Amino acid sequence: MMIARRHLLASLFAASFLVQPAASFAADTIRVGLPTKTYWPTTVAETAVRQKLFEKEGLKAELTIYRGGAEAFEAMAAGAADIILDPPSLVAAGRKKGVLSKVVANASMGSFGWQLMVKANSPLTVEDLKGKKVGITSAGSGSDVLALWTIQNKKVDFSRVPVGGGGLVPNLLAGNIDAAVVYSPLSFQISKSGEAKTILDFAKAVPPNMTSGWVVLDKFAKEKPEVVQKAVNAIYGALQFMRNNRETTVKLIADLYEVPPEIAAAEYDNTIMKLDTDGGMSGDKVLEAVSKSIELAKLGGLKDIAPVEEVISTQFKPVPTKP
């Protein structure tokens, strides 16, 4: 009986000992802030979740969708999001206001799918927008940067009206705004349906620059560098999976955003396949791309923004997680 009892106690001790590491190695949570729903960062993040790429990195991902890039930036500044997607110019402006963050991974080097649009029966051209109302998602967002660039480059002054990502198309079609800076696949969808038309294709008109990157607070990167690294690994693993699995990704886009398969395919071919697959922030090419992004923002009217070297971090190089 004594031997049996000792074996029992030993077994219980061993079991409790083995349980301890499991509790201590509970998955870290990464809160991913997405600028709006019907937009490619949501596709990437959803793919990472559905393919369990965050899980494979030992992370539990919580996705939150905001009304625009500026709102996502505010959420990060308030401590409600850990990693977000935004233009470098917003990071540069934020640093001057005390929001210390950096771009840790390059996401896009062009305004793919972004178009300045009016209703199909509108006679307006870009030059006719003087004094008109143009919809953007939010002040300081990527859509706002493009609107500001249009004002400066085309020498036409119009009012920028923040309506949120989900409000761009409804407000345009209802006539509440005269034009809108629309992102894909929404731009492809309302063009295909004949409800709206493009008067300026930003992908062609705007010089190549880093239009967006994955951003984290300096404090978060310092305190949890391994979580940041794992997060970008999962994100770029998702992008790699998407590029290797066209049919699956087109179906996901169609299901997520309730768009026809041909619109989802256009989004895949014209946006997803043009995203940066490396994510690295080192090298002259990246510095030049970020510099151009900030210069475009300055041309658009943004002032008092931090220099390039304060905006980027070369600490994290994505190592794509394999499905």
Protein backbone atom coordinates (compact mmCIF):
# COMPACT_ATOMS: atom_id res chain seq x y z
CA MET A 1 0.00 0.00 0.00
CA MET A 2 2.89 2.34 0.88
CA ILE A 3 4.59 1.61 -2.48
CA ALA A 4 1.34 2.19 -4.34
CA ARG A 5 0.77 5.44 -2.45
CA ARG A 6 4.29 6.62 -3.23
CA HIS A 7 3.79 5.80 -6.92
CA LEU A 8 0.51 7.69 -6.84
CA LEU A 9 2.07 10.77 -5.21
CA ALA A 10 4.98 10.62 -7.65
CA SER A 11 2.57 10.41 -10.58
CA LEU A 12 0.53 13.36 -9.30
CA PHE A 13 3.69 15.40 -8.76
CA ALA A 14 4.92 14.57 -12.26
CA ALA A 15 1.56 15.44 -13.77
CA SER A 16 1.40 18.78 -11.97
CA PHE A 17 4.99 19.51 -12.98
CA LEU A 18 4.19 18.83 -16.63
CA VAL A 19 1.14 21.08 -16.51
CA GLN A 20 3.17 24.08 -15.31
CA PRO A 21 5.01 24.73 -18.59
CA ALA A 22 1.77 24.49 -20.56
CA ALA A 23 0.25 27.27 -18.48
CA SER A 24 3.36 29.40 -18.65
CA PHE A 25 3.54 29.00 -22.43
CA ALA A 26 -0.03 30.16 -23.06
CA ALA A 27 -0.33 31.88 -26.44
CA ASP A 28 0.38 35.61 -26.55
CA THR A 29 -2.44 37.74 -27.92
CA ILE A 30 -1.80 40.04 -30.88
CA ARG A 31 -4.51 42.63 -31.56
CA VAL A 32 -4.54 43.42 -35.27
CA GLY A 33 -6.15 46.72 -36.26
CA LEU A 34 -7.48 46.85 -39.82
CA PRO A 35 -8.28 50.20 -41.49
CA THR A 36 -11.59 49.12 -43.02
CA LYS A 37 -13.45 45.95 -43.91
CA THR A 38 -13.53 45.65 -47.69
CA TYR A 39 -9.82 46.15 -48.13
CA TRP A 40 -6.86 43.84 -48.81
CA PRO A 41 -5.32 43.96 -45.27
CA THR A 42 -8.51 42.29 -44.04
CA THR A 43 -8.07 39.55 -46.63
CA VAL A 44 -4.48 38.97 -45.50
CA ALA A 45 -5.34 38.92 -41.79
CA GLU A 46 -8.34 36.64 -42.32
CA THR A 47 -6.18 34.26 -44.34
CA ALA A 48 -3.60 34.16 -41.54
CA VAL A 49 -6.37 33.29 -39.06
CA ARG A 50 -8.07 30.68 -41.23
CA GLN A 51 -4.81 28.97 -42.13
CA LYS A 52 -3.88 29.00 -38.42
CA LEU A 53 -0.66 30.86 -39.13
CA PHE A 54 -0.89 32.99 -35.99
CA GLU A 55 -1.47 29.81 -34.00
CA LYS A 56 1.61 28.21 -35.54
CA GLU A 57 3.59 31.18 -34.30
CA GLY A 58 2.16 30.71 -30.80
CA LEU A 59 -0.14 33.72 -31.06
CA LYS A 60 -3.83 34.28 -30.54
CA ALA A 61 -4.99 36.93 -33.01
CA GLU A 62 -7.85 39.34 -32.39
CA LEU A 63 -8.91 41.26 -35.50
CA THR A 64 -10.68 44.61 -35.21
CA ILE A 65 -11.95 46.57 -38.20
CA TYR A 66 -12.04 50.37 -37.99
CA ARG A 67 -13.62 53.10 -40.13
CA GLY A 68 -10.32 54.19 -41.62
CA GLY A 69 -6.55 54.31 -41.21
CA ALA A 70 -6.65 57.30 -38.87
CA GLU A 71 -9.08 55.57 -36.54
CA ALA A 72 -6.87 52.47 -36.51
CA PHE A 73 -3.89 54.70 -35.69
CA GLU A 74 -5.80 56.30 -32.83
CA ALA A 75 -6.69 52.85 -31.51
CA MET A 76 -3.03 51.85 -31.50
CA ALA A 77 -2.09 55.11 -29.78
CA ALA A 78 -4.72 54.43 -27.12
CA GLY A 79 -3.41 50.91 -26.54
CA ALA A 80 -6.39 49.15 -28.14
CA ALA A 81 -4.43 47.65 -31.05
CA ASP A 82 -0.91 46.19 -31.24
CA ILE A 83 -0.22 46.18 -34.98
CA ILE A 84 -2.02 48.14 -37.68
CA LEU A 85 -1.68 48.99 -41.37
CA ASP A 86 -1.21 52.66 -42.27
CA PRO A 87 0.79 54.98 -44.56
CA PRO A 88 4.26 56.08 -43.38
CA SER A 89 3.10 59.71 -43.51
CA LEU A 90 0.64 59.08 -40.68
CA VAL A 91 3.42 57.54 -38.61
CA ALA A 92 5.65 60.55 -39.35
CA ALA A 93 2.93 63.00 -38.36
CA GLY A 94 2.06 60.98 -35.27
CA ARG A 95 5.61 61.05 -33.91
CA LYS A 96 5.51 64.85 -33.83
CA LYS A 97 2.35 64.61 -31.72
CA GLY A 98 3.79 62.16 -29.24
CA VAL A 99 2.56 58.90 -30.77
CA LEU A 100 5.87 57.05 -31.05
CA SER A 101 5.49 54.27 -33.59
CA LYS A 102 7.38 52.88 -36.56
CA VAL A 103 6.71 50.97 -39.76
CA VAL A 104 8.14 47.49 -39.13
CA ALA A 105 7.22 45.83 -42.44
CA ASN A 106 6.68 47.13 -45.97
CA ALA A 107 3.21 46.26 -47.23
CA SER A 108 2.57 48.07 -50.51
CA MET A 109 4.58 50.15 -52.95
CA GLY A 110 1.68 51.54 -54.95
CA SER A 111 -1.93 52.75 -54.76
CA PHE A 112 -3.24 49.56 -56.35
CA GLY A 113 -6.97 49.65 -56.96
CA TRP A 114 -7.38 53.19 -55.60
CA GLN A 115 -9.46 55.41 -57.87
CA LEU A 116 -11.08 58.82 -57.76
CA MET A 117 -14.66 58.12 -58.80
CA VAL A 118 -17.90 59.92 -59.61
CA LYS A 119 -21.37 58.62 -60.38
CA ALA A 120 -21.70 57.12 -63.84
CA ASN A 121 -23.95 59.94 -65.08
CA SER A 122 -21.81 62.71 -63.59
CA PRO A 123 -20.20 65.13 -66.07
CA LEU A 124 -17.46 66.04 -63.58
CA THR A 125 -13.78 65.71 -64.37
CA VAL A 126 -10.93 66.15 -61.91
CA GLU A 127 -10.65 69.81 -62.90
CA ASP A 128 -14.36 70.32 -62.18
CA LEU A 129 -14.03 69.33 -58.51
CA LYS A 130 -13.17 72.86 -57.37
CA GLY A 131 -15.48 73.69 -54.46
CA LYS A 132 -17.00 70.19 -54.52
CA LYS A 133 -17.19 67.54 -51.80
CA VAL A 134 -14.91 64.51 -52.11
CA GLY A 135 -15.33 61.53 -49.80
CA ILE A 136 -12.42 59.99 -47.91
CA THR A 137 -12.39 57.37 -45.15
CA SER A 138 -10.89 59.58 -42.43
CA ALA A 139 -8.49 62.49 -41.96
CA GLY A 140 -4.87 61.36 -42.13
CA SER A 141 -5.71 58.05 -43.80
CA GLY A 142 -4.37 56.73 -47.10
CA SER A 143 -7.44 58.05 -48.88
CA ASP A 144 -6.84 61.48 -47.37
CA VAL A 145 -3.21 61.48 -48.55
CA LEU A 146 -4.40 60.70 -52.09
CA ALA A 147 -7.04 63.43 -51.91
CA LEU A 148 -4.43 65.93 -50.71
CA TRP A 149 -2.08 64.84 -53.48
CA THR A 150 -4.85 65.43 -56.04
CA ILE A 151 -5.49 68.93 -54.69
CA GLN A 152 -1.83 69.82 -55.02
CA ASN A 153 -0.96 67.97 -58.23
CA LYS A 154 -4.07 68.90 -60.18
CA LYS A 155 -4.31 72.42 -58.72
CA VAL A 156 -7.95 71.97 -57.76
CA ASP A 157 -9.30 72.82 -54.31
CA PHE A 158 -12.15 70.72 -52.94
CA SER A 159 -13.52 69.76 -49.52
CA ARG A 160 -12.44 66.41 -48.08
CA VAL A 161 -15.38 64.74 -46.34
CA PRO A 162 -14.65 61.84 -43.92
CA VAL A 163 -17.38 59.21 -44.29
CA GLY A 164 -15.61 56.02 -43.16
CA GLY A 165 -14.63 53.09 -45.35
CA GLY A 166 -18.15 51.71 -45.37
CA GLY A 167 -19.64 55.09 -46.25
CA LEU A 168 -17.71 55.91 -49.42
CA VAL A 169 -19.87 54.10 -51.95
CA PRO A 170 -23.30 54.69 -50.34
CA ASN A 171 -22.65 58.43 -49.99
CA LEU A 172 -21.31 58.69 -53.53
CA LEU A 173 -24.25 56.88 -55.09
CA ALA A 174 -26.74 58.83 -52.94
CA GLY A 175 -25.28 62.10 -54.17
CA ASN A 176 -24.21 63.26 -50.70
CA ILE A 177 -20.70 63.77 -52.07
CA ASP A 178 -19.61 64.67 -55.58
CA ALA A 179 -16.71 62.23 -55.82
CA ALA A 180 -14.89 59.72 -53.66
CA VAL A 181 -11.44 58.21 -53.22
CA VAL A 182 -12.41 54.54 -53.48
CA TYR A 183 -10.25 51.50 -52.76
CA SER A 184 -10.51 48.04 -54.30
CA PRO A 185 -12.41 45.79 -54.65
CA LEU A 186 -15.17 48.39 -54.18
CA SER A 187 -13.72 50.49 -57.00
CA PHE A 188 -13.79 47.47 -59.32
CA GLN A 189 -17.29 46.54 -58.24
CA ILE A 190 -19.07 49.86 -58.82
CA SER A 191 -17.19 50.36 -62.07
CA LYS A 192 -18.22 46.93 -63.33
CA SER A 193 -21.85 47.48 -62.27
CA GLY A 194 -21.98 50.76 -64.16
CA GLU A 195 -22.89 52.75 -61.04
CA ALA A 196 -19.72 54.85 -61.05
CA LYS A 197 -16.77 55.72 -63.25
CA THR A 198 -13.12 56.54 -62.69
CA ILE A 199 -11.82 60.04 -63.38
CA LEU A 200 -8.35 59.39 -61.92
CA ASP A 201 -6.52 56.08 -61.43
CA PHE A 202 -4.09 56.65 -58.55
CA ALA A 203 -2.13 53.48 -59.32
CA LYS A 204 -1.07 55.10 -62.59
CA ALA A 205 -1.02 58.76 -61.61
CA VAL A 206 0.87 58.74 -58.31
CA PRO A 207 4.63 58.11 -58.43
CA PRO A 208 5.69 54.78 -56.84
CA ASN A 209 6.16 55.08 -53.08
CA MET A 210 5.52 53.10 -49.91
CA THR A 211 1.79 53.61 -49.60
CA SER A 212 1.34 51.43 -46.51
CA GLY A 213 3.18 49.35 -43.96
CA TRP A 214 2.54 47.37 -40.78
CA VAL A 215 3.02 49.64 -37.78
CA VAL A 216 3.62 49.10 -34.05
CA LEU A 217 4.32 51.40 -31.12
CA ASP A 218 7.98 51.74 -30.11
CA LYS A 219 7.01 50.64 -26.61
CA PHE A 220 5.37 47.45 -27.84
CA ALA A 221 8.34 46.61 -30.08
CA LYS A 222 10.72 47.12 -27.16
CA GLU A 223 8.70 45.12 -24.63
CA LYS A 224 7.51 42.31 -26.93
CA PRO A 225 9.86 42.06 -29.91
CA GLU A 226 9.23 38.32 -30.26
CA VAL A 227 5.47 38.94 -30.59
CA VAL A 228 6.04 41.54 -33.32
CA GLN A 229 8.32 39.15 -35.19
CA LYS A 230 5.82 36.30 -34.96
CA ALA A 231 2.99 38.56 -36.09
CA VAL A 232 4.77 39.73 -39.24
CA ASN A 233 5.81 36.13 -39.92
CA ALA A 234 2.14 35.09 -39.89
CA ILE A 235 1.03 38.05 -41.99
CA TYR A 236 3.60 37.42 -44.72
CA GLY A 237 2.98 33.71 -44.51
CA ALA A 238 -0.65 34.50 -45.32
CA LEU A 239 0.38 36.63 -48.28
CA GLN A 240 2.57 33.82 -49.57
CA PHE A 241 -0.30 31.34 -49.18
CA MET A 242 -2.63 33.67 -51.07
CA ARG A 243 -0.23 34.03 -53.96
CA ASN A 244 0.14 30.26 -54.19
CA ASN A 245 -3.60 29.54 -53.90
CA ARG A 246 -5.52 31.75 -56.31
CA GLU A 247 -8.80 29.83 -56.28
CA THR A 248 -9.01 29.70 -52.48
CA THR A 249 -8.16 33.39 -52.14
CA VAL A 250 -10.61 34.54 -54.82
CA LYS A 251 -13.36 32.60 -53.04
CA LEU A 252 -12.40 34.15 -49.70
CA ILE A 253 -12.52 37.67 -51.17
CA ALA A 254 -15.92 36.96 -52.73
CA ASP A 255 -17.29 35.56 -49.47
CA LEU A 256 -15.80 38.18 -47.15
CA TYR A 257 -16.95 41.18 -49.14
CA GLU A 258 -20.03 39.72 -50.85
CA VAL A 259 -18.77 40.54 -54.32
CA PRO A 260 -19.14 38.51 -57.54
CA PRO A 261 -16.32 36.06 -58.39
CA GLU A 262 -15.12 38.19 -61.30
CA ILE A 263 -14.69 41.20 -58.98
CA ALA A 264 -12.86 39.04 -56.46
CA ALA A 265 -10.60 37.80 -59.28
CA ALA A 266 -9.88 41.41 -60.33
CA GLU A 267 -8.94 42.24 -56.75
CA TYR A 268 -6.63 39.23 -56.64
CA ASP A 269 -4.89 40.02 -59.93
CA ASN A 270 -4.67 43.80 -59.58
CA THR A 271 -4.07 44.18 -55.85
CA ILE A 272 -3.09 41.00 -53.99
CA MET A 273 -0.51 39.96 -56.59
CA LYS A 274 1.11 43.41 -56.48
CA LEU A 275 1.67 43.60 -52.72
CA ASP A 276 5.20 43.53 -51.34
CA THR A 277 6.13 39.94 -50.51
CA ASP A 278 9.43 40.64 -48.76
CA GLY A 279 8.33 43.09 -46.09
CA GLY A 280 11.89 44.12 -45.35
CA MET A 281 12.62 47.69 -44.27
CA SER A 282 16.34 47.76 -45.09
CA GLY A 283 18.09 49.14 -48.15
CA ASP A 284 18.15 52.28 -50.27
CA LYS A 285 15.04 51.27 -52.24
CA VAL A 286 12.92 51.18 -49.11
CA LEU A 287 14.33 54.45 -47.77
CA GLU A 288 13.60 56.11 -51.10
CA ALA A 289 10.05 54.72 -51.15
CA VAL A 290 9.33 56.00 -47.63
CA SER A 291 10.91 59.36 -48.48
CA LYS A 292 8.64 59.68 -51.50
CA SER A 293 5.62 58.77 -49.40
CA ILE A 294 6.44 61.51 -46.91
CA GLU A 295 7.24 64.02 -49.65
CA LEU A 296 3.87 63.35 -51.29
CA ALA A 297 2.19 63.97 -47.95
CA LYS A 298 4.09 67.26 -47.60
CA LEU A 299 3.02 68.29 -51.09
CA GLY A 300 -0.53 67.52 -50.04
CA GLY A 301 -0.29 69.93 -47.13
CA LEU A 302 0.82 67.81 -44.16
CA LYS A 303 3.30 69.72 -42.03
CA ASP A 304 5.54 69.13 -39.03
CA ILE A 305 6.32 65.47 -39.69
CA ALA A 306 9.24 63.35 -38.55
CA PRO A 307 12.17 62.47 -40.86
CA VAL A 308 12.42 59.10 -42.56
CA GLU A 309 14.98 57.61 -40.18
CA GLU A 310 12.55 58.07 -37.28
CA VAL A 311 9.65 56.46 -39.14
CA ILE A 312 10.99 53.00 -39.95
CA SER A 313 12.44 50.06 -38.03
CA THR A 314 14.78 47.51 -39.56
CA GLN A 315 14.58 45.25 -36.52
CA PHE A 316 11.99 42.86 -37.93
CA LYS A 317 12.44 40.90 -41.16
CA PRO A 318 9.41 38.72 -41.95
CA VAL A 319 10.07 35.00 -42.14
CA PRO A 320 6.79 33.77 -43.71
CA THR A 321 5.03 31.13 -41.64
CA LYS A 322 4.33 27.98 -43.62
CA PRO A 323 0.76 26.63 -43.62
